[in-house]
Amino acid sequence: YAMGWFRQVPGKEREFVARVTWSGSNKY
């Protein structure tokens, strides 16, 4: 799996924060 971190505050959409590919070689 690719893994991601997201965040959310009340009343707002869940927001992308960061992600990493399955190998860990690429980060966004």
PDB file of all heavy atoms in Angstrom:
ATOM      1  N   TYR A   1       0.800  -1.210   0.000  1.00  0.00           N
ATOM      2  CA  TYR A   1       0.000   0.000   0.000  1.00  0.00           C
ATOM      3  C   TYR A   1       0.835   1.264   0.000  1.00  0.00           C
ATOM      4  O   TYR A   1       1.870   1.350   0.657  1.00  0.00           O
ATOM      5  CB  TYR A   1      -0.915   0.027   1.226  1.00  0.00           C
ATOM      6  CG  TYR A   1      -1.966  -1.047   1.217  1.00  0.00           C
ATOM      7  CD1 TYR A   1      -1.756  -2.249   1.884  1.00  0.00           C
ATOM      8  CD2 TYR A   1      -3.163  -0.865   0.539  1.00  0.00           C
ATOM      9  CE1 TYR A   1      -2.718  -3.242   1.875  1.00  0.00           C
ATOM     10  CE2 TYR A   1      -4.127  -1.854   0.532  1.00  0.00           C
ATOM     11  CZ  TYR A   1      -3.905  -3.035   1.198  1.00  0.00           C
ATOM     12  OH  TYR A   1      -4.869  -4.014   1.185  1.00  0.00           O
ATOM     13  N   ALA A   2       0.328   2.230  -0.736  1.00  0.00           N
ATOM     14  CA  ALA A   2       0.785   3.586  -0.542  1.00  0.00           C
ATOM     15  C   ALA A   2       0.165   4.105   0.747  1.00  0.00           C
ATOM     16  O   ALA A   2      -0.958   3.742   1.093  1.00  0.00           O
ATOM     17  CB  ALA A   2       0.372   4.461  -1.719  1.00  0.00           C
ATOM     18  N   MET A   3       0.886   4.947   1.444  1.00  0.00           N
ATOM     19  CA  MET A   3       0.409   5.468   2.713  1.00  0.00           C
ATOM     20  C   MET A   3       0.309   6.982   2.658  1.00  0.00           C
ATOM     21  O   MET A   3       1.146   7.653   2.061  1.00  0.00           O
ATOM     22  CB  MET A   3       1.336   5.065   3.850  1.00  0.00           C
ATOM     23  CG  MET A   3       1.482   3.565   4.040  1.00  0.00           C
ATOM     24  SD  MET A   3      -0.073   2.772   4.545  1.00  0.00           S
ATOM     25  CE  MET A   3      -0.371   3.573   6.121  1.00  0.00           C
ATOM     26  N   GLY A   4      -0.718   7.481   3.296  1.00  0.00           N
ATOM     27  CA  GLY A   4      -0.916   8.915   3.319  1.00  0.00           C
ATOM     28  C   GLY A   4      -1.308   9.421   4.692  1.00  0.00           C
ATOM     29  O   GLY A   4      -1.791   8.665   5.539  1.00  0.00           O
ATOM     30  N   TRP A   5      -1.064  10.692   4.889  1.00  0.00           N
ATOM     31  CA  TRP A   5      -1.543  11.400   6.067  1.00  0.00           C
ATOM     32  C   TRP A   5      -2.515  12.480   5.609  1.00  0.00           C
ATOM     33  O   TRP A   5      -2.236  13.220   4.657  1.00  0.00           O
ATOM     34  CB  TRP A   5      -0.407  12.050   6.849  1.00  0.00           C
ATOM     35  CG  TRP A   5       0.410  11.093   7.657  1.00  0.00           C
ATOM     36  CD1 TRP A   5       1.585  10.510   7.307  1.00  0.00           C
ATOM     37  CD2 TRP A   5       0.104  10.610   8.965  1.00  0.00           C
ATOM     38  NE1 TRP A   5       2.043   9.696   8.308  1.00  0.00           N
ATOM     39  CE2 TRP A   5       1.144   9.743   9.351  1.00  0.00           C
ATOM     40  CE3 TRP A   5      -0.955  10.831   9.865  1.00  0.00           C
ATOM     41  CZ2 TRP A   5       1.159   9.093  10.585  1.00  0.00           C
ATOM     42  CZ3 TRP A   5      -0.938  10.179  11.086  1.00  0.00           C
ATOM     43  CH2 TRP A   5       0.117   9.326  11.429  1.00  0.00           C
ATOM     44  N   PHE A   6      -3.622  12.557   6.298  1.00  0.00           N
ATOM     45  CA  PHE A   6      -4.646  13.548   6.026  1.00  0.00           C
ATOM     46  C   PHE A   6      -5.014  14.235   7.331  1.00  0.00           C
ATOM     47  O   PHE A   6      -4.742  13.724   8.413  1.00  0.00           O
ATOM     48  CB  PHE A   6      -5.884  12.904   5.409  1.00  0.00           C
ATOM     49  CG  PHE A   6      -5.637  12.282   4.062  1.00  0.00           C
ATOM     50  CD1 PHE A   6      -5.037  11.045   3.942  1.00  0.00           C
ATOM     51  CD2 PHE A   6      -6.015  12.948   2.904  1.00  0.00           C
ATOM     52  CE1 PHE A   6      -4.807  10.468   2.705  1.00  0.00           C
ATOM     53  CE2 PHE A   6      -5.798  12.387   1.656  1.00  0.00           C
ATOM     54  CZ  PHE A   6      -5.188  11.150   1.559  1.00  0.00           C
ATOM     55  N   ARG A   7      -5.649  15.375   7.213  1.00  0.00           N
ATOM     56  CA  ARG A   7      -6.117  16.057   8.406  1.00  0.00           C
ATOM     57  C   ARG A   7      -7.480  16.668   8.152  1.00  0.00           C
ATOM     58  O   ARG A   7      -7.859  16.958   7.027  1.00  0.00           O
ATOM     59  CB  ARG A   7      -5.126  17.129   8.867  1.00  0.00           C
ATOM     60  CG  ARG A   7      -4.908  18.264   7.887  1.00  0.00           C
ATOM     61  CD  ARG A   7      -3.750  19.139   8.348  1.00  0.00           C
ATOM     62  NE  ARG A   7      -3.524  20.261   7.453  1.00  0.00           N
ATOM     63  CZ  ARG A   7      -2.488  21.090   7.539  1.00  0.00           C
ATOM     64  NH1 ARG A   7      -1.577  20.916   8.497  1.00  0.00           N
ATOM     65  NH2 ARG A   7      -2.369  22.093   6.671  1.00  0.00           N
ATOM     66  N   GLN A   8      -8.192  16.879   9.241  1.00  0.00           N
ATOM     67  CA  GLN A   8      -9.541  17.388   9.123  1.00  0.00           C
ATOM     68  C   GLN A   8      -9.895  18.223  10.346  1.00  0.00           C
ATOM     69  O   GLN A   8      -9.586  17.856  11.478  1.00  0.00           O
ATOM     70  CB  GLN A   8     -10.539  16.248   8.967  1.00  0.00           C
ATOM     71  CG  GLN A   8     -11.949  16.681   8.624  1.00  0.00           C
ATOM     72  CD  GLN A   8     -12.814  15.513   8.199  1.00  0.00           C
ATOM     73  OE1 GLN A   8     -12.582  14.380   8.600  1.00  0.00           O
ATOM     74  NE2 GLN A   8     -13.813  15.786   7.379  1.00  0.00           N
ATOM     75  N   VAL A   9     -10.545  19.338  10.093  1.00  0.00           N
ATOM     76  CA  VAL A   9     -11.081  20.179  11.154  1.00  0.00           C
ATOM     77  C   VAL A   9     -12.588  20.210  11.006  1.00  0.00           C
ATOM     78  O   VAL A   9     -13.122  19.973   9.913  1.00  0.00           O
ATOM     79  CB  VAL A   9     -10.497  21.603  11.118  1.00  0.00           C
ATOM     80  CG1 VAL A   9      -8.991  21.561  11.305  1.00  0.00           C
ATOM     81  CG2 VAL A   9     -10.834  22.287   9.798  1.00  0.00           C
ATOM     82  N   PRO A  10     -13.308  20.500  12.077  1.00  0.00           N
ATOM     83  CA  PRO A  10     -14.767  20.510  11.989  1.00  0.00           C
ATOM     84  C   PRO A  10     -15.280  21.437  10.902  1.00  0.00           C
ATOM     85  O   PRO A  10     -14.818  22.572  10.766  1.00  0.00           O
ATOM     86  CB  PRO A  10     -15.199  20.993  13.375  1.00  0.00           C
ATOM     87  CG  PRO A  10     -14.091  20.565  14.267  1.00  0.00           C
ATOM     88  CD  PRO A  10     -12.840  20.735  13.451  1.00  0.00           C
ATOM     89  N   GLY A  11     -16.220  20.936  10.127  1.00  0.00           N
ATOM     90  CA  GLY A  11     -16.839  21.740   9.092  1.00  0.00           C
ATOM     91  C   GLY A  11     -16.075  21.830   7.795  1.00  0.00           C
ATOM     92  O   GLY A  11     -16.531  22.518   6.873  1.00  0.00           O
ATOM     93  N   LYS A  12     -14.938  21.164   7.702  1.00  0.00           N
ATOM     94  CA  LYS A  12     -14.145  21.219   6.485  1.00  0.00           C
ATOM     95  C   LYS A  12     -13.892  19.823   5.941  1.00  0.00           C
ATOM     96  O   LYS A  12     -14.005  18.825   6.654  1.00  0.00           O
ATOM     97  CB  LYS A  12     -12.807  21.918   6.737  1.00  0.00           C
ATOM     98  CG  LYS A  12     -12.934  23.371   7.159  1.00  0.00           C
ATOM     99  CD  LYS A  12     -11.577  24.042   7.262  1.00  0.00           C
ATOM    100  CE  LYS A  12     -10.915  24.182   5.910  1.00  0.00           C
ATOM    101  NZ  LYS A  12      -9.617  24.913   5.993  1.00  0.00           N
ATOM    102  N   GLU A  13     -13.559  19.800   4.672  1.00  0.00           N
ATOM    103  CA  GLU A  13     -13.234  18.538   4.020  1.00  0.00           C
ATOM    104  C   GLU A  13     -11.922  17.983   4.561  1.00  0.00           C
ATOM    105  O   GLU A  13     -11.049  18.734   5.004  1.00  0.00           O
ATOM    106  CB  GLU A  13     -13.115  18.738   2.512  1.00  0.00           C
ATOM    107  CG  GLU A  13     -14.393  19.168   1.818  1.00  0.00           C
ATOM    108  CD  GLU A  13     -15.350  18.023   1.626  1.00  0.00           C
ATOM    109  OE1 GLU A  13     -14.882  16.875   1.482  1.00  0.00           O
ATOM    110  OE2 GLU A  13     -16.566  18.258   1.624  1.00  0.00           O
ATOM    111  N   ARG A  14     -11.818  16.693   4.510  1.00  0.00           N
ATOM    112  CA  ARG A  14     -10.558  16.074   4.861  1.00  0.00           C
ATOM    113  C   ARG A  14      -9.498  16.490   3.849  1.00  0.00           C
ATOM    114  O   ARG A  14      -9.715  16.435   2.636  1.00  0.00           O
ATOM    115  CB  ARG A  14     -10.709  14.556   4.899  1.00  0.00           C
ATOM    116  CG  ARG A  14      -9.509  13.837   5.477  1.00  0.00           C
ATOM    117  CD  ARG A  14      -9.859  12.403   5.861  1.00  0.00           C
ATOM    118  NE  ARG A  14     -10.851  12.365   6.923  1.00  0.00           N
ATOM    119  CZ  ARG A  14     -11.244  11.256   7.527  1.00  0.00           C
ATOM    120  NH1 ARG A  14     -10.744  10.083   7.173  1.00  0.00           N
ATOM    121  NH2 ARG A  14     -12.157  11.318   8.483  1.00  0.00           N
ATOM    122  N   GLU A  15      -8.356  16.896   4.345  1.00  0.00           N
ATOM    123  CA  GLU A  15      -7.317  17.491   3.528  1.00  0.00           C
ATOM    124  C   GLU A  15      -6.096  16.599   3.436  1.00  0.00           C
ATOM    125  O   GLU A  15      -5.606  16.077   4.446  1.00  0.00           O
ATOM    126  CB  GLU A  15      -6.911  18.850   4.121  1.00  0.00           C
ATOM    127  CG  GLU A  15      -5.767  19.542   3.399  1.00  0.00           C
ATOM    128  CD  GLU A  15      -5.232  20.733   4.162  1.00  0.00           C
ATOM    129  OE1 GLU A  15      -5.465  20.818   5.387  1.00  0.00           O
ATOM    130  OE2 GLU A  15      -4.591  21.596   3.531  1.00  0.00           O
ATOM    131  N   PHE A  16      -5.597  16.470   2.238  1.00  0.00           N
ATOM    132  CA  PHE A  16      -4.349  15.756   2.034  1.00  0.00           C
ATOM    133  C   PHE A  16      -3.201  16.516   2.669  1.00  0.00           C
ATOM    134  O   PHE A  16      -3.098  17.736   2.537  1.00  0.00           O
ATOM    135  CB  PHE A  16      -4.089  15.588   0.535  1.00  0.00           C
ATOM    136  CG  PHE A  16      -2.693  15.162   0.209  1.00  0.00           C
ATOM    137  CD1 PHE A  16      -2.279  13.858   0.406  1.00  0.00           C
ATOM    138  CD2 PHE A  16      -1.785  16.071  -0.298  1.00  0.00           C
ATOM    139  CE1 PHE A  16      -0.992  13.458   0.117  1.00  0.00           C
ATOM    140  CE2 PHE A  16      -0.489  15.687  -0.603  1.00  0.00           C
ATOM    141  CZ  PHE A  16      -0.100  14.376  -0.393  1.00  0.00           C
ATOM    142  N   VAL A  17      -2.324  15.800   3.331  1.00  0.00           N
ATOM    143  CA  VAL A  17      -1.148  16.392   3.946  1.00  0.00           C
ATOM    144  C   VAL A  17       0.136  15.864   3.314  1.00  0.00           C
ATOM    145  O   VAL A  17       0.980  16.633   2.855  1.00  0.00           O
ATOM    146  CB  VAL A  17      -1.110  16.133   5.461  1.00  0.00           C
ATOM    147  CG1 VAL A  17       0.176  16.694   6.070  1.00  0.00           C
ATOM    148  CG2 VAL A  17      -2.335  16.746   6.134  1.00  0.00           C
ATOM    149  N   ALA A  18       0.273  14.562   3.285  1.00  0.00           N
ATOM    150  CA  ALA A  18       1.487  13.952   2.759  1.00  0.00           C
ATOM    151  C   ALA A  18       1.208  12.512   2.376  1.00  0.00           C
ATOM    152  O   ALA A  18       0.285  11.884   2.898  1.00  0.00           O
ATOM    153  CB  ALA A  18       2.619  14.010   3.789  1.00  0.00           C
ATOM    154  N   ARG A  19       2.013  11.986   1.481  1.00  0.00           N
ATOM    155  CA  ARG A  19       1.902  10.584   1.127  1.00  0.00           C
ATOM    156  C   ARG A  19       3.249  10.049   0.705  1.00  0.00           C
ATOM    157  O   ARG A  19       4.148  10.804   0.334  1.00  0.00           O
ATOM    158  CB  ARG A  19       0.864  10.352   0.027  1.00  0.00           C
ATOM    159  CG  ARG A  19       1.185  11.017  -1.301  1.00  0.00           C
ATOM    160  CD  ARG A  19       0.074  10.737  -2.310  1.00  0.00           C
ATOM    161  NE  ARG A  19       0.236  11.494  -3.546  1.00  0.00           N
ATOM    162  CZ  ARG A  19       0.907  11.066  -4.614  1.00  0.00           C
ATOM    163  NH1 ARG A  19       1.494   9.865  -4.612  1.00  0.00           N
ATOM    164  NH2 ARG A  19       0.983  11.827  -5.702  1.00  0.00           N
ATOM    165  N   VAL A  20       3.367   8.760   0.766  1.00  0.00           N
ATOM    166  CA  VAL A  20       4.589   8.083   0.386  1.00  0.00           C
ATOM    167  C   VAL A  20       4.216   6.812  -0.359  1.00  0.00           C
ATOM    168  O   VAL A  20       3.263   6.115   0.004  1.00  0.00           O
ATOM    169  CB  VAL A  20       5.477   7.793   1.625  1.00  0.00           C
ATOM    170  CG1 VAL A  20       4.733   6.935   2.643  1.00  0.00           C
ATOM    171  CG2 VAL A  20       6.786   7.135   1.217  1.00  0.00           C
ATOM    172  N   THR A  21       4.959   6.526  -1.399  1.00  0.00           N
ATOM    173  CA  THR A  21       4.698   5.330  -2.176  1.00  0.00           C
ATOM    174  C   THR A  21       5.082   4.086  -1.388  1.00  0.00           C
ATOM    175  O   THR A  21       5.731   4.160  -0.346  1.00  0.00           O
ATOM    176  CB  THR A  21       5.461   5.369  -3.498  1.00  0.00           C
ATOM    177  OG1 THR A  21       6.855   5.592  -3.249  1.00  0.00           O
ATOM    178  CG2 THR A  21       4.939   6.497  -4.383  1.00  0.00           C
ATOM    179  N   TRP A  22       4.694   2.951  -1.898  1.00  0.00           N
ATOM    180  CA  TRP A  22       4.909   1.703  -1.168  1.00  0.00           C
ATOM    181  C   TRP A  22       6.378   1.434  -0.880  1.00  0.00           C
ATOM    182  O   TRP A  22       6.719   0.839   0.148  1.00  0.00           O
ATOM    183  CB  TRP A  22       4.301   0.522  -1.928  1.00  0.00           C
ATOM    184  CG  TRP A  22       4.986   0.222  -3.241  1.00  0.00           C
ATOM    185  CD1 TRP A  22       4.648   0.707  -4.464  1.00  0.00           C
ATOM    186  CD2 TRP A  22       6.116  -0.630  -3.432  1.00  0.00           C
ATOM    187  NE1 TRP A  22       5.492   0.218  -5.421  1.00  0.00           N
ATOM    188  CE2 TRP A  22       6.403  -0.608  -4.816  1.00  0.00           C
ATOM    189  CE3 TRP A  22       6.905  -1.407  -2.583  1.00  0.00           C
ATOM    190  CZ2 TRP A  22       7.468  -1.335  -5.368  1.00  0.00           C
ATOM    191  CZ3 TRP A  22       7.958  -2.130  -3.133  1.00  0.00           C
ATOM    192  CH2 TRP A  22       8.231  -2.091  -4.510  1.00  0.00           C
ATOM    193  N   SER A  23       7.231   1.874  -1.778  1.00  0.00           N
ATOM    194  CA  SER A  23       8.663   1.652  -1.601  1.00  0.00           C
ATOM    195  C   SER A  23       9.309   2.676  -0.678  1.00  0.00           C
ATOM    196  O   SER A  23      10.428   2.472  -0.212  1.00  0.00           O
ATOM    197  CB  SER A  23       9.362   1.684  -2.953  1.00  0.00           C
ATOM    198  OG  SER A  23       9.322   2.980  -3.515  1.00  0.00           O
ATOM    199  N   GLY A  24       8.617   3.765  -0.446  1.00  0.00           N
ATOM    200  CA  GLY A  24       9.179   4.843   0.342  1.00  0.00           C
ATOM    201  C   GLY A  24      10.085   5.767  -0.438  1.00  0.00           C
ATOM    202  O   GLY A  24      10.643   6.719   0.126  1.00  0.00           O
ATOM    203  N   SER A  25      10.217   5.527  -1.723  1.00  0.00           N
ATOM    204  CA  SER A  25      11.163   6.286  -2.529  1.00  0.00           C
ATOM    205  C   SER A  25      10.626   7.628  -2.997  1.00  0.00           C
ATOM    206  O   SER A  25      11.404   8.506  -3.362  1.00  0.00           O
ATOM    207  CB  SER A  25      11.601   5.463  -3.738  1.00  0.00           C
ATOM    208  OG  SER A  25      10.494   5.137  -4.562  1.00  0.00           O
ATOM    209  N   ASN A  26       9.327   7.777  -3.000  1.00  0.00           N
ATOM    210  CA  ASN A  26       8.717   9.014  -3.461  1.00  0.00           C
ATOM    211  C   ASN A  26       7.769   9.553  -2.408  1.00  0.00           C
ATOM    212  O   ASN A  26       6.929   8.821  -1.882  1.00  0.00           O
ATOM    213  CB  ASN A  26       7.978   8.795  -4.773  1.00  0.00           C
ATOM    214  CG  ASN A  26       8.924   8.479  -5.913  1.00  0.00           C
ATOM    215  OD1 ASN A  26       9.711   9.323  -6.323  1.00  0.00           O
ATOM    216  ND2 ASN A  26       8.850   7.254  -6.424  1.00  0.00           N
ATOM    217  N   LYS A  27       7.918  10.837  -2.152  1.00  0.00           N
ATOM    218  CA  LYS A  27       7.109  11.497  -1.136  1.00  0.00           C
ATOM    219  C   LYS A  27       6.494  12.758  -1.713  1.00  0.00           C
ATOM    220  O   LYS A  27       7.103  13.451  -2.514  1.00  0.00           O
ATOM    221  CB  LYS A  27       7.962  11.838   0.086  1.00  0.00           C
ATOM    222  CG  LYS A  27       8.645  10.630   0.711  1.00  0.00           C
ATOM    223  CD  LYS A  27       9.611  11.040   1.806  1.00  0.00           C
ATOM    224  CE  LYS A  27      10.326   9.831   2.380  1.00  0.00           C
ATOM    225  NZ  LYS A  27      11.292  10.208   3.431  1.00  0.00           N
ATOM    226  N   TYR A  28       5.296  13.054  -1.251  1.00  0.00           N
ATOM    227  CA  TYR A  28       4.565  14.194  -1.762  1.00  0.00           C
ATOM    228  C   TYR A  28       3.885  14.906  -0.606  1.00  0.00           C
ATOM    229  O   TYR A  28       3.440  14.279   0.352  1.00  0.00           O
ATOM    230  CB  TYR A  28       3.529  13.748  -2.795  1.00  0.00           C
ATOM    231  CG  TYR A  28       4.130  12.945  -3.921  1.00  0.00           C
ATOM    232  CD1 TYR A  28       4.268  11.566  -3.812  1.00  0.00           C
ATOM    233  CD2 TYR A  28       4.560  13.567  -5.084  1.00  0.00           C
ATOM    234  CE1 TYR A  28       4.832  10.824  -4.840  1.00  0.00           C
ATOM    235  CE2 TYR A  28       5.120  12.833  -6.111  1.00  0.00           C
ATOM    236  CZ  TYR A  28       5.257  11.462  -5.987  1.00  0.00           C
ATOM    237  OH  TYR A  28       5.820  10.727  -7.010  1.00  0.00           O
TER     238      TYR A  28
END
